[in-house]
Amino acid sequence: MRIGDLARRTGVPARLLRYYEEQGLLHPERDTNGYRSYAPDAVSTVLRIRDLLDAGLTTEAIGRLLPCAHDDEPGVAPCTRSLGVMDERLDSLAEQIARLQRQQELLAAQREATVLRG
């Protein structure tokens, strides 16, 4: 299928599909006329990429996970690589959440002090 077809079937703009190709996440063939030609399983690959992006992973991390993915099953195979990538992101998210909670506490304290002054 061509890039426009893949874009329609996945809801992902062609510009993003080209970006995924630049990042090494998609590997279309090239027709004799130079047009990209995607295999039928590209639809599930693109949808998986979108899910992983929504989960907060970078395209670099997704590139490390895709070799562990199977098109017909959700998630990725529990290989050392996949678990390591996910654990790294979970640790990063936990750190971000802790920072945000601390900021919330500090701002709430500032607000309370402001109210008491008023």
PDB file of N, CA and C in Angstrom:
ATOM      1  N   MET A   1       0.843  -1.169   0.000  1.00  0.00           N
ATOM      2  CA  MET A   1       0.000   0.000   0.000  1.00  0.00           C
ATOM      3  C   MET A   1       0.888   1.231   0.000  1.00  0.00           C
ATOM      4  N   ARG A   2       0.367   2.306  -0.529  1.00  0.00           N
ATOM      5  CA  ARG A   2       1.112   3.565  -0.593  1.00  0.00           C
ATOM      6  C   ARG A   2       0.936   4.356   0.692  1.00  0.00           C
ATOM      7  N   ILE A   3       1.731   5.399   0.835  1.00  0.00           N
ATOM      8  CA  ILE A   3       1.742   6.185   2.069  1.00  0.00           C
ATOM      9  C   ILE A   3       0.382   6.814   2.366  1.00  0.00           C
ATOM     10  N   GLY A   4      -0.326   7.280   1.345  1.00  0.00           N
ATOM     11  CA  GLY A   4      -1.651   7.859   1.556  1.00  0.00           C
ATOM     12  C   GLY A   4      -2.630   6.840   2.102  1.00  0.00           C
ATOM     13  N   ASP A   5      -2.558   5.617   1.595  1.00  0.00           N
ATOM     14  CA  ASP A   5      -3.424   4.547   2.091  1.00  0.00           C
ATOM     15  C   ASP A   5      -3.113   4.236   3.554  1.00  0.00           C
ATOM     16  N   LEU A   6      -1.824   4.160   3.870  1.00  0.00           N
ATOM     17  CA  LEU A   6      -1.431   3.880   5.245  1.00  0.00           C
ATOM     18  C   LEU A   6      -1.881   5.012   6.167  1.00  0.00           C
ATOM     19  N   ALA A   7      -1.760   6.230   5.703  1.00  0.00           N
ATOM     20  CA  ALA A   7      -2.203   7.374   6.498  1.00  0.00           C
ATOM     21  C   ALA A   7      -3.705   7.290   6.767  1.00  0.00           C
ATOM     22  N   ARG A   8      -4.478   6.975   5.773  1.00  0.00           N
ATOM     23  CA  ARG A   8      -5.935   6.861   5.943  1.00  0.00           C
ATOM     24  C   ARG A   8      -6.300   5.717   6.885  1.00  0.00           C
ATOM     25  N   ARG A   9      -5.628   4.593   6.760  1.00  0.00           N
ATOM     26  CA  ARG A   9      -5.968   3.414   7.566  1.00  0.00           C
ATOM     27  C   ARG A   9      -5.565   3.558   9.027  1.00  0.00           C
ATOM     28  N   THR A  10      -4.563   4.398   9.288  1.00  0.00           N
ATOM     29  CA  THR A  10      -4.072   4.551  10.668  1.00  0.00           C
ATOM     30  C   THR A  10      -4.471   5.876  11.302  1.00  0.00           C
ATOM     31  N   GLY A  11      -4.867   6.845  10.479  1.00  0.00           N
ATOM     32  CA  GLY A  11      -5.162   8.173  10.998  1.00  0.00           C
ATOM     33  C   GLY A  11      -3.922   8.983  11.307  1.00  0.00           C
ATOM     34  N   VAL A  12      -2.784   8.528  10.823  1.00  0.00           N
ATOM     35  CA  VAL A  12      -1.508   9.205  11.058  1.00  0.00           C
ATOM     36  C   VAL A  12      -1.114   9.939   9.770  1.00  0.00           C
ATOM     37  N   PRO A  13      -0.851  11.240   9.849  1.00  0.00           N
ATOM     38  CA  PRO A  13      -0.500  11.981   8.645  1.00  0.00           C
ATOM     39  C   PRO A  13       0.743  11.418   7.942  1.00  0.00           C
ATOM     40  N   ALA A  14       0.763  11.537   6.629  1.00  0.00           N
ATOM     41  CA  ALA A  14       1.891  11.041   5.831  1.00  0.00           C
ATOM     42  C   ALA A  14       3.212  11.653   6.298  1.00  0.00           C
ATOM     43  N   ARG A  15       3.165  12.912   6.711  1.00  0.00           N
ATOM     44  CA  ARG A  15       4.379  13.578   7.202  1.00  0.00           C
ATOM     45  C   ARG A  15       4.967  12.818   8.389  1.00  0.00           C
ATOM     46  N   LEU A  16       4.101  12.361   9.311  1.00  0.00           N
ATOM     47  CA  LEU A  16       4.583  11.593  10.462  1.00  0.00           C
ATOM     48  C   LEU A  16       5.086  10.213  10.042  1.00  0.00           C
ATOM     49  N   LEU A  17       4.442   9.619   9.061  1.00  0.00           N
ATOM     50  CA  LEU A  17       4.903   8.316   8.578  1.00  0.00           C
ATOM     51  C   LEU A  17       6.302   8.433   7.988  1.00  0.00           C
ATOM     52  N   ARG A  18       6.562   9.520   7.270  1.00  0.00           N
ATOM     53  CA  ARG A  18       7.916   9.745   6.736  1.00  0.00           C
ATOM     54  C   ARG A  18       8.907   9.951   7.878  1.00  0.00           C
ATOM     55  N   TYR A  19       8.474  10.652   8.926  1.00  0.00           N
ATOM     56  CA  TYR A  19       9.329  10.853  10.095  1.00  0.00           C
ATOM     57  C   TYR A  19       9.649   9.512  10.756  1.00  0.00           C
ATOM     58  N   TYR A  20       8.641   8.651  10.904  1.00  0.00           N
ATOM     59  CA  TYR A  20       8.888   7.330  11.485  1.00  0.00           C
ATOM     60  C   TYR A  20       9.895   6.564  10.639  1.00  0.00           C
ATOM     61  N   GLU A  21       9.823   6.716   9.339  1.00  0.00           N
ATOM     62  CA  GLU A  21      10.798   6.069   8.460  1.00  0.00           C
ATOM     63  C   GLU A  21      12.193   6.637   8.709  1.00  0.00           C
ATOM     64  N   GLU A  22      12.307   7.966   8.825  1.00  0.00           N
ATOM     65  CA  GLU A  22      13.599   8.599   9.103  1.00  0.00           C
ATOM     66  C   GLU A  22      14.195   8.101  10.417  1.00  0.00           C
ATOM     67  N   GLN A  23      13.318   7.820  11.381  1.00  0.00           N
ATOM     68  CA  GLN A  23      13.759   7.349  12.691  1.00  0.00           C
ATOM     69  C   GLN A  23      14.044   5.850  12.714  1.00  0.00           C
ATOM     70  N   GLY A  24      13.829   5.170  11.596  1.00  0.00           N
ATOM     71  CA  GLY A  24      14.098   3.738  11.508  1.00  0.00           C
ATOM     72  C   GLY A  24      12.989   2.866  12.061  1.00  0.00           C
ATOM     73  N   LEU A  25      11.788   3.430  12.247  1.00  0.00           N
ATOM     74  CA  LEU A  25      10.680   2.667  12.812  1.00  0.00           C
ATOM     75  C   LEU A  25       9.850   1.968  11.747  1.00  0.00           C
ATOM     76  N   LEU A  26       9.813   2.522  10.552  1.00  0.00           N
ATOM     77  CA  LEU A  26       9.101   1.926   9.412  1.00  0.00           C
ATOM     78  C   LEU A  26      10.102   1.673   8.300  1.00  0.00           C
ATOM     79  N   HIS A  27       9.876   0.595   7.569  1.00  0.00           N
ATOM     80  CA  HIS A  27      10.812   0.215   6.504  1.00  0.00           C
ATOM     81  C   HIS A  27      10.046  -0.125   5.226  1.00  0.00           C
ATOM     82  N   PRO A  28       9.576   0.918   4.525  1.00  0.00           N
ATOM     83  CA  PRO A  28       8.843   0.643   3.285  1.00  0.00           C
ATOM     84  C   PRO A  28       9.786   0.220   2.163  1.00  0.00           C
ATOM     85  N   GLU A  29       9.239  -0.517   1.227  1.00  0.00           N
ATOM     86  CA  GLU A  29       9.959  -0.820  -0.005  1.00  0.00           C
ATOM     87  C   GLU A  29       9.801   0.388  -0.921  1.00  0.00           C
ATOM     88  N   ARG A  30      10.574   0.436  -1.968  1.00  0.00           N
ATOM     89  CA  ARG A  30      10.415   1.488  -2.971  1.00  0.00           C
ATOM     90  C   ARG A  30      10.018   0.831  -4.280  1.00  0.00           C
ATOM     91  N   ASP A  31       8.919   1.333  -4.881  1.00  0.00           N
ATOM     92  CA  ASP A  31       8.497   0.853  -6.190  1.00  0.00           C
ATOM     93  C   ASP A  31       9.496   1.341  -7.245  1.00  0.00           C
ATOM     94  N   THR A  32       9.362   0.831  -8.434  1.00  0.00           N
ATOM     95  CA  THR A  32      10.255   1.258  -9.520  1.00  0.00           C
ATOM     96  C   THR A  32      10.127   2.747  -9.802  1.00  0.00           C
ATOM     97  N   ASN A  33       8.957   3.317  -9.507  1.00  0.00           N
ATOM     98  CA  ASN A  33       8.761   4.751  -9.707  1.00  0.00           C
ATOM     99  C   ASN A  33       9.220   5.579  -8.509  1.00  0.00           C
ATOM    100  N   GLY A  34       9.755   4.930  -7.473  1.00  0.00           N
ATOM    101  CA  GLY A  34      10.271   5.626  -6.302  1.00  0.00           C
ATOM    102  C   GLY A  34       9.275   5.814  -5.183  1.00  0.00           C
ATOM    103  N   TYR A  35       8.004   5.462  -5.411  1.00  0.00           N
ATOM    104  CA  TYR A  35       6.997   5.600  -4.361  1.00  0.00           C
ATOM    105  C   TYR A  35       7.239   4.580  -3.251  1.00  0.00           C
ATOM    106  N   ARG A  36       6.922   5.000  -2.029  1.00  0.00           N
ATOM    107  CA  ARG A  36       6.989   4.076  -0.896  1.00  0.00           C
ATOM    108  C   ARG A  36       5.870   3.047  -1.024  1.00  0.00           C
ATOM    109  N   SER A  37       6.193   1.818  -0.672  1.00  0.00           N
ATOM    110  CA  SER A  37       5.204   0.745  -0.677  1.00  0.00           C
ATOM    111  C   SER A  37       5.310   0.020   0.665  1.00  0.00           C
ATOM    112  N   TYR A  38       4.203   0.036   1.406  1.00  0.00           N
ATOM    113  CA  TYR A  38       4.175  -0.548   2.744  1.00  0.00           C
ATOM    114  C   TYR A  38       3.506  -1.907   2.730  1.00  0.00           C
ATOM    115  N   ALA A  39       4.045  -2.826   3.501  1.00  0.00           N
ATOM    116  CA  ALA A  39       3.448  -4.152   3.664  1.00  0.00           C
ATOM    117  C   ALA A  39       2.163  -4.018   4.482  1.00  0.00           C
ATOM    118  N   PRO A  40       1.265  -4.982   4.381  1.00  0.00           N
ATOM    119  CA  PRO A  40       0.010  -4.915   5.150  1.00  0.00           C
ATOM    120  C   PRO A  40       0.226  -4.792   6.661  1.00  0.00           C
ATOM    121  N   ASP A  41       1.307  -5.379   7.198  1.00  0.00           N
ATOM    122  CA  ASP A  41       1.536  -5.308   8.644  1.00  0.00           C
ATOM    123  C   ASP A  41       2.000  -3.930   9.110  1.00  0.00           C
ATOM    124  N   ALA A  42       2.232  -2.999   8.171  1.00  0.00           N
ATOM    125  CA  ALA A  42       2.630  -1.642   8.550  1.00  0.00           C
ATOM    126  C   ALA A  42       1.533  -0.952   9.350  1.00  0.00           C
ATOM    127  N   VAL A  43       0.282  -1.309   9.097  1.00  0.00           N
ATOM    128  CA  VAL A  43      -0.832  -0.713   9.851  1.00  0.00           C
ATOM    129  C   VAL A  43      -0.669  -1.021  11.338  1.00  0.00           C
ATOM    130  N   SER A  44      -0.460  -2.280  11.678  1.00  0.00           N
ATOM    131  CA  SER A  44      -0.311  -2.637  13.099  1.00  0.00           C
ATOM    132  C   SER A  44       0.964  -2.035  13.683  1.00  0.00           C
ATOM    133  N   THR A  45       2.022  -1.931  12.885  1.00  0.00           N
ATOM    134  CA  THR A  45       3.260  -1.320  13.368  1.00  0.00           C
ATOM    135  C   THR A  45       3.034   0.149  13.711  1.00  0.00           C
ATOM    136  N   VAL A  46       2.363   0.870  12.825  1.00  0.00           N
ATOM    137  CA  VAL A  46       2.096   2.287  13.073  1.00  0.00           C
ATOM    138  C   VAL A  46       1.211   2.460  14.304  1.00  0.00           C
ATOM    139  N   LEU A  47       0.202   1.637  14.442  1.00  0.00           N
ATOM    140  CA  LEU A  47      -0.673   1.732  15.616  1.00  0.00           C
ATOM    141  C   LEU A  47       0.094   1.428  16.902  1.00  0.00           C
ATOM    142  N   ARG A  48       1.007   0.481  16.831  1.00  0.00           N
ATOM    143  CA  ARG A  48       1.847   0.165  18.002  1.00  0.00           C
ATOM    144  C   ARG A  48       2.758   1.352  18.318  1.00  0.00           C
ATOM    145  N   ILE A  49       3.344   1.963  17.295  1.00  0.00           N
ATOM    146  CA  ILE A  49       4.192   3.142  17.499  1.00  0.00           C
ATOM    147  C   ILE A  49       3.389   4.235  18.197  1.00  0.00           C
ATOM    148  N   ARG A  50       2.170   4.473  17.734  1.00  0.00           N
ATOM    149  CA  ARG A  50       1.319   5.503  18.335  1.00  0.00           C
ATOM    150  C   ARG A  50       1.037   5.183  19.801  1.00  0.00           C
ATOM    151  N   ASP A  51       0.730   3.924  20.102  1.00  0.00           N
ATOM    152  CA  ASP A  51       0.464   3.525  21.484  1.00  0.00           C
ATOM    153  C   ASP A  51       1.688   3.758  22.372  1.00  0.00           C
ATOM    154  N   LEU A  52       2.849   3.408  21.861  1.00  0.00           N
ATOM    155  CA  LEU A  52       4.078   3.573  22.638  1.00  0.00           C
ATOM    156  C   LEU A  52       4.431   5.045  22.814  1.00  0.00           C
ATOM    157  N   LEU A  53       4.178   5.863  21.794  1.00  0.00           N
ATOM    158  CA  LEU A  53       4.379   7.309  21.934  1.00  0.00           C
ATOM    159  C   LEU A  53       3.424   7.871  22.977  1.00  0.00           C
ATOM    160  N   ASP A  54       2.165   7.424  22.946  1.00  0.00           N
ATOM    161  CA  ASP A  54       1.188   7.870  23.938  1.00  0.00           C
ATOM    162  C   ASP A  54       1.596   7.468  25.354  1.00  0.00           C
ATOM    163  N   ALA A  55       2.325   6.366  25.483  1.00  0.00           N
ATOM    164  CA  ALA A  55       2.810   5.910  26.787  1.00  0.00           C
ATOM    165  C   ALA A  55       4.028   6.707  27.248  1.00  0.00           C
ATOM    166  N   GLY A  56       4.495   7.639  26.398  1.00  0.00           N
ATOM    167  CA  GLY A  56       5.584   8.512  26.796  1.00  0.00           C
ATOM    168  C   GLY A  56       6.961   8.089  26.336  1.00  0.00           C
ATOM    169  N   LEU A  57       7.033   7.083  25.492  1.00  0.00           N
ATOM    170  CA  LEU A  57       8.338   6.646  25.009  1.00  0.00           C
ATOM    171  C   LEU A  57       8.794   7.516  23.841  1.00  0.00           C
ATOM    172  N   THR A  58      10.089   7.664  23.704  1.00  0.00           N
ATOM    173  CA  THR A  58      10.666   8.399  22.578  1.00  0.00           C
ATOM    174  C   THR A  58      10.752   7.478  21.367  1.00  0.00           C
ATOM    175  N   THR A  59      10.934   8.059  20.198  1.00  0.00           N
ATOM    176  CA  THR A  59      11.093   7.231  19.008  1.00  0.00           C
ATOM    177  C   THR A  59      12.357   6.381  19.113  1.00  0.00           C
ATOM    178  N   GLU A  60      13.367   6.889  19.791  1.00  0.00           N
ATOM    179  CA  GLU A  60      14.601   6.104  19.974  1.00  0.00           C
ATOM    180  C   GLU A  60      14.309   4.861  20.815  1.00  0.00           C
ATOM    181  N   ALA A  61      13.565   5.032  21.897  1.00  0.00           N
ATOM    182  CA  ALA A  61      13.206   3.899  22.754  1.00  0.00           C
ATOM    183  C   ALA A  61      12.298   2.928  22.005  1.00  0.00           C
ATOM    184  N   ILE A  62      11.379   3.461  21.223  1.00  0.00           N
ATOM    185  CA  ILE A  62      10.480   2.606  20.445  1.00  0.00           C
ATOM    186  C   ILE A  62      11.273   1.787  19.440  1.00  0.00           C
ATOM    187  N   GLY A  63      12.278   2.386  18.851  1.00  0.00           N
ATOM    188  CA  GLY A  63      13.134   1.653  17.923  1.00  0.00           C
ATOM    189  C   GLY A  63      13.818   0.474  18.590  1.00  0.00           C
ATOM    190  N   ARG A  64      14.113   0.607  19.877  1.00  0.00           N
ATOM    191  CA  ARG A  64      14.728  -0.504  20.613  1.00  0.00           C
ATOM    192  C   ARG A  64      13.697  -1.566  20.979  1.00  0.00           C
ATOM    193  N   LEU A  65      12.421  -1.165  21.085  1.00  0.00           N
ATOM    194  CA  LEU A  65      11.370  -2.113  21.455  1.00  0.00           C
ATOM    195  C   LEU A  65      10.792  -2.892  20.278  1.00  0.00           C
ATOM    196  N   LEU A  66      10.692  -2.263  19.124  1.00  0.00           N
ATOM    197  CA  LEU A  66      10.005  -2.887  17.994  1.00  0.00           C
ATOM    198  C   LEU A  66      10.537  -4.271  17.612  1.00  0.00           C
ATOM    199  N   PRO A  67      11.837  -4.531  17.715  1.00  0.00           N
ATOM    200  CA  PRO A  67      12.289  -5.897  17.391  1.00  0.00           C
ATOM    201  C   PRO A  67      11.688  -6.965  18.310  1.00  0.00           C
ATOM    202  N   CYS A  68      11.211  -6.565  19.482  1.00  0.00           N
ATOM    203  CA  CYS A  68      10.603  -7.513  20.416  1.00  0.00           C
ATOM    204  C   CYS A  68       9.096  -7.619  20.223  1.00  0.00           C
ATOM    205  N   ALA A  69       8.535  -6.845  19.300  1.00  0.00           N
ATOM    206  CA  ALA A  69       7.089  -6.815  19.100  1.00  0.00           C
ATOM    207  C   ALA A  69       6.663  -7.871  18.090  1.00  0.00           C
ATOM    208  N   HIS A  70       5.465  -8.389  18.306  1.00  0.00           N
ATOM    209  CA  HIS A  70       4.858  -9.332  17.374  1.00  0.00           C
ATOM    210  C   HIS A  70       3.557  -8.709  16.899  1.00  0.00           C
ATOM    211  N   ASP A  71       3.366  -8.669  15.592  1.00  0.00           N
ATOM    212  CA  ASP A  71       2.229  -7.961  15.014  1.00  0.00           C
ATOM    213  C   ASP A  71       0.882  -8.468  15.486  1.00  0.00           C
ATOM    214  N   ASP A  72       0.784  -9.728  15.818  1.00  0.00           N
ATOM    215  CA  ASP A  72      -0.526 -10.289  16.143  1.00  0.00           C
ATOM    216  C   ASP A  72      -0.834 -10.302  17.644  1.00  0.00           C
ATOM    217  N   GLU A  73       0.055  -9.735  18.482  1.00  0.00           N
ATOM    218  CA  GLU A  73      -0.154  -9.745  19.916  1.00  0.00           C
ATOM    219  C   GLU A  73       0.074  -8.356  20.493  1.00  0.00           C
ATOM    220  N   PRO A  74      -0.696  -7.983  21.523  1.00  0.00           N
ATOM    221  CA  PRO A  74      -0.466  -6.675  22.152  1.00  0.00           C
ATOM    222  C   PRO A  74       0.830  -6.672  22.944  1.00  0.00           C
ATOM    223  N   GLY A  75       1.349  -5.506  23.212  1.00  0.00           N
ATOM    224  CA  GLY A  75       2.582  -5.389  23.971  1.00  0.00           C
ATOM    225  C   GLY A  75       3.779  -5.866  23.169  1.00  0.00           C
ATOM    226  N   VAL A  76       4.841  -6.122  23.867  1.00  0.00           N
ATOM    227  CA  VAL A  76       6.054  -6.643  23.240  1.00  0.00           C
ATOM    228  C   VAL A  76       6.523  -7.854  24.026  1.00  0.00           C
ATOM    229  N   ALA A  77       7.325  -8.674  23.389  1.00  0.00           N
ATOM    230  CA  ALA A  77       7.836  -9.871  24.059  1.00  0.00           C
ATOM    231  C   ALA A  77       8.720  -9.444  25.233  1.00  0.00           C
ATOM    232  N   PRO A  78       8.680 -10.181  26.328  1.00  0.00           N
ATOM    233  CA  PRO A  78       9.451  -9.801  27.513  1.00  0.00           C
ATOM    234  C   PRO A  78      10.937 -10.143  27.385  1.00  0.00           C
ATOM    235  N   CYS A  79      11.566  -9.567  26.391  1.00  0.00           N
ATOM    236  CA  CYS A  79      13.011  -9.763  26.254  1.00  0.00           C
ATOM    237  C   CYS A  79      13.727  -8.750  27.151  1.00  0.00           C
ATOM    238  N   THR A  80      14.979  -8.980  27.432  1.00  0.00           N
ATOM    239  CA  THR A  80      15.751  -8.099  28.305  1.00  0.00           C
ATOM    240  C   THR A  80      15.701  -6.661  27.805  1.00  0.00           C
ATOM    241  N   ARG A  81      15.782  -6.491  26.511  1.00  0.00           N
ATOM    242  CA  ARG A  81      15.765  -5.151  25.921  1.00  0.00           C
ATOM    243  C   ARG A  81      14.449  -4.444  26.225  1.00  0.00           C
ATOM    244  N   SER A  82      13.328  -5.120  26.007  1.00  0.00           N
ATOM    245  CA  SER A  82      12.025  -4.468  26.182  1.00  0.00           C
ATOM    246  C   SER A  82      11.791  -4.100  27.642  1.00  0.00           C
ATOM    247  N   LEU A  83      12.113  -4.991  28.552  1.00  0.00           N
ATOM    248  CA  LEU A  83      11.909  -4.709  29.968  1.00  0.00           C
ATOM    249  C   LEU A  83      12.802  -3.561  30.429  1.00  0.00           C
ATOM    250  N   GLY A  84      14.021  -3.520  29.936  1.00  0.00           N
ATOM    251  CA  GLY A  84      14.941  -2.438  30.297  1.00  0.00           C
ATOM    252  C   GLY A  84      14.450  -1.079  29.823  1.00  0.00           C
ATOM    253  N   VAL A  85      13.963  -1.022  28.586  1.00  0.00           N
ATOM    254  CA  VAL A  85      13.442   0.232  28.033  1.00  0.00           C
ATOM    255  C   VAL A  85      12.243   0.706  28.854  1.00  0.00           C
ATOM    256  N   MET A  86      11.332  -0.205  29.145  1.00  0.00           N
ATOM    257  CA  MET A  86      10.141   0.176  29.913  1.00  0.00           C
ATOM    258  C   MET A  86      10.490   0.566  31.341  1.00  0.00           C
ATOM    259  N   ASP A  87      11.426  -0.164  31.961  1.00  0.00           N
ATOM    260  CA  ASP A  87      11.836   0.171  33.328  1.00  0.00           C
ATOM    261  C   ASP A  87      12.482   1.554  33.380  1.00  0.00           C
ATOM    262  N   GLU A  88      13.304   1.888  32.382  1.00  0.00           N
ATOM    263  CA  GLU A  88      13.923   3.220  32.321  1.00  0.00           C
ATOM    264  C   GLU A  88      12.859   4.303  32.279  1.00  0.00           C
ATOM    265  N   ARG A  89      11.853   4.116  31.439  1.00  0.00           N
ATOM    266  CA  ARG A  89      10.798   5.127  31.304  1.00  0.00           C
ATOM    267  C   ARG A  89       9.946   5.200  32.559  1.00  0.00           C
ATOM    268  N   LEU A  90       9.640   4.065  33.157  1.00  0.00           N
ATOM    269  CA  LEU A  90       8.867   4.081  34.406  1.00  0.00           C
ATOM    270  C   LEU A  90       9.620   4.819  35.509  1.00  0.00           C
ATOM    271  N   ASP A  91      10.940   4.595  35.608  1.00  0.00           N
ATOM    272  CA  ASP A  91      11.751   5.308  36.598  1.00  0.00           C
ATOM    273  C   ASP A  91      11.738   6.810  36.333  1.00  0.00           C
ATOM    274  N   SER A  92      11.854   7.182  35.072  1.00  0.00           N
ATOM    275  CA  SER A  92      11.828   8.591  34.702  1.00  0.00           C
ATOM    276  C   SER A  92      10.490   9.232  35.048  1.00  0.00           C
ATOM    277  N   LEU A  93       9.402   8.528  34.763  1.00  0.00           N
ATOM    278  CA  LEU A  93       8.074   9.045  35.097  1.00  0.00           C
ATOM    279  C   LEU A  93       7.907   9.197  36.604  1.00  0.00           C
ATOM    280  N   ALA A  94       8.406   8.244  37.380  1.00  0.00           N
ATOM    281  CA  ALA A  94       8.309   8.323  38.838  1.00  0.00           C
ATOM    282  C   ALA A  94       9.057   9.555  39.348  1.00  0.00           C
ATOM    283  N   GLU A  95      10.221   9.840  38.773  1.00  0.00           N
ATOM    284  CA  GLU A  95      10.987  11.027  39.159  1.00  0.00           C
ATOM    285  C   GLU A  95      10.234  12.303  38.793  1.00  0.00           C
ATOM    286  N   GLN A  96       9.632  12.333  37.615  1.00  0.00           N
ATOM    287  CA  GLN A  96       8.859  13.509  37.203  1.00  0.00           C
ATOM    288  C   GLN A  96       7.661  13.723  38.109  1.00  0.00           C
ATOM    289  N   ILE A  97       6.970  12.646  38.456  1.00  0.00           N
ATOM    290  CA  ILE A  97       5.809  12.745  39.338  1.00  0.00           C
ATOM    291  C   ILE A  97       6.234  13.278  40.706  1.00  0.00           C
ATOM    292  N   ALA A  98       7.343  12.784  41.235  1.00  0.00           N
ATOM    293  CA  ALA A  98       7.832  13.245  42.537  1.00  0.00           C
ATOM    294  C   ALA A  98       8.174  14.737  42.484  1.00  0.00           C
ATOM    295  N   ARG A  99       8.817  15.177  41.393  1.00  0.00           N
ATOM    296  CA  ARG A  99       9.142  16.605  41.233  1.00  0.00           C
ATOM    297  C   ARG A  99       7.871  17.446  41.171  1.00  0.00           C
ATOM    298  N   LEU A 100       6.884  16.978  40.421  1.00  0.00           N
ATOM    299  CA  LEU A 100       5.633  17.721  40.298  1.00  0.00           C
ATOM    300  C   LEU A 100       4.888  17.787  41.637  1.00  0.00           C
ATOM    301  N   GLN A 101       4.903  16.693  42.384  1.00  0.00           N
ATOM    302  CA  GLN A 101       4.250  16.705  43.694  1.00  0.00           C
ATOM    303  C   GLN A 101       4.932  17.708  44.624  1.00  0.00           C
ATOM    304  N   ARG A 102       6.253  17.743  44.580  1.00  0.00           N
ATOM    305  CA  ARG A 102       7.007  18.708  45.410  1.00  0.00           C
ATOM    306  C   ARG A 102       6.676  20.136  44.983  1.00  0.00           C
ATOM    307  N   GLN A 103       6.606  20.390  43.676  1.00  0.00           N
ATOM    308  CA  GLN A 103       6.243  21.724  43.191  1.00  0.00           C
ATOM    309  C   GLN A 103       4.838  22.105  43.642  1.00  0.00           C
ATOM    310  N   GLN A 104       3.933  21.145  43.585  1.00  0.00           N
ATOM    311  CA  GLN A 104       2.559  21.394  44.012  1.00  0.00           C
ATOM    312  C   GLN A 104       2.529  21.767  45.486  1.00  0.00           C
ATOM    313  N   GLU A 105       3.279  21.044  46.317  1.00  0.00           N
ATOM    314  CA  GLU A 105       3.331  21.330  47.744  1.00  0.00           C
ATOM    315  C   GLU A 105       3.901  22.724  48.007  1.00  0.00           C
ATOM    316  N   LEU A 106       4.967  23.072  47.293  1.00  0.00           N
ATOM    317  CA  LEU A 106       5.593  24.383  47.479  1.00  0.00           C
ATOM    318  C   LEU A 106       4.656  25.506  47.048  1.00  0.00           C
ATOM    319  N   LEU A 107       3.987  25.327  45.924  1.00  0.00           N
ATOM    320  CA  LEU A 107       3.069  26.357  45.443  1.00  0.00           C
ATOM    321  C   LEU A 107       1.865  26.492  46.378  1.00  0.00           C
ATOM    322  N   ALA A 108       1.362  25.359  46.867  1.00  0.00           N
ATOM    323  CA  ALA A 108       0.243  25.407  47.814  1.00  0.00           C
ATOM    324  C   ALA A 108       0.648  26.150  49.082  1.00  0.00           C
ATOM    325  N   ALA A 109       1.878  25.935  49.554  1.00  0.00           N
ATOM    326  CA  ALA A 109       2.371  26.637  50.737  1.00  0.00           C
ATOM    327  C   ALA A 109       2.482  28.134  50.461  1.00  0.00           C
ATOM    328  N   GLN A 110       2.956  28.502  49.278  1.00  0.00           N
ATOM    329  CA  GLN A 110       3.036  29.917  48.910  1.00  0.00           C
ATOM    330  C   GLN A 110       1.645  30.541  48.851  1.00  0.00           C
ATOM    331  N   ARG A 111       0.699  29.812  48.296  1.00  0.00           N
ATOM    332  CA  ARG A 111      -0.671  30.311  48.200  1.00  0.00           C
ATOM    333  C   ARG A 111      -1.268  30.495  49.590  1.00  0.00           C
ATOM    334  N   GLU A 112      -1.055  29.517  50.438  1.00  0.00           N
ATOM    335  CA  GLU A 112      -1.575  29.598  51.821  1.00  0.00           C
ATOM    336  C   GLU A 112      -0.984  30.788  52.539  1.00  0.00           C
ATOM    337  N   ALA A 113       0.311  31.022  52.383  1.00  0.00           N
ATOM    338  CA  ALA A 113       0.962  32.174  53.009  1.00  0.00           C
ATOM    339  C   ALA A 113       0.384  33.477  52.465  1.00  0.00           C
ATOM    340  N   THR A 114       0.063  33.487  51.190  1.00  0.00           N
ATOM    341  CA  THR A 114      -0.526  34.678  50.568  1.00  0.00           C
ATOM    342  C   THR A 114      -1.919  34.947  51.128  1.00  0.00           C
ATOM    343  N   VAL A 115      -2.716  33.896  51.281  1.00  0.00           N
ATOM    344  CA  VAL A 115      -4.060  34.036  51.814  1.00  0.00           C
ATOM    345  C   VAL A 115      -4.015  34.564  53.251  1.00  0.00           C
ATOM    346  N   LEU A 116      -3.074  34.027  54.050  1.00  0.00           N
ATOM    347  CA  LEU A 116      -2.963  34.439  55.450  1.00  0.00           C
ATOM    348  C   LEU A 116      -2.556  35.898  55.580  1.00  0.00           C
ATOM    349  N   ARG A 117      -1.812  36.401  54.596  1.00  0.00           N
ATOM    350  CA  ARG A 117      -1.368  37.808  54.624  1.00  0.00           C
ATOM    351  C   ARG A 117      -2.506  38.740  54.268  1.00  0.00           C
ATOM    352  N   GLY A 118      -3.487  38.223  53.544  1.00  0.00           N
ATOM    353  CA  GLY A 118      -4.554  39.060  52.998  1.00  0.00           C
ATOM    354  C   GLY A 118      -5.695  39.293  53.888  1.00  0.00           C
TER     355      GLY A 118
END
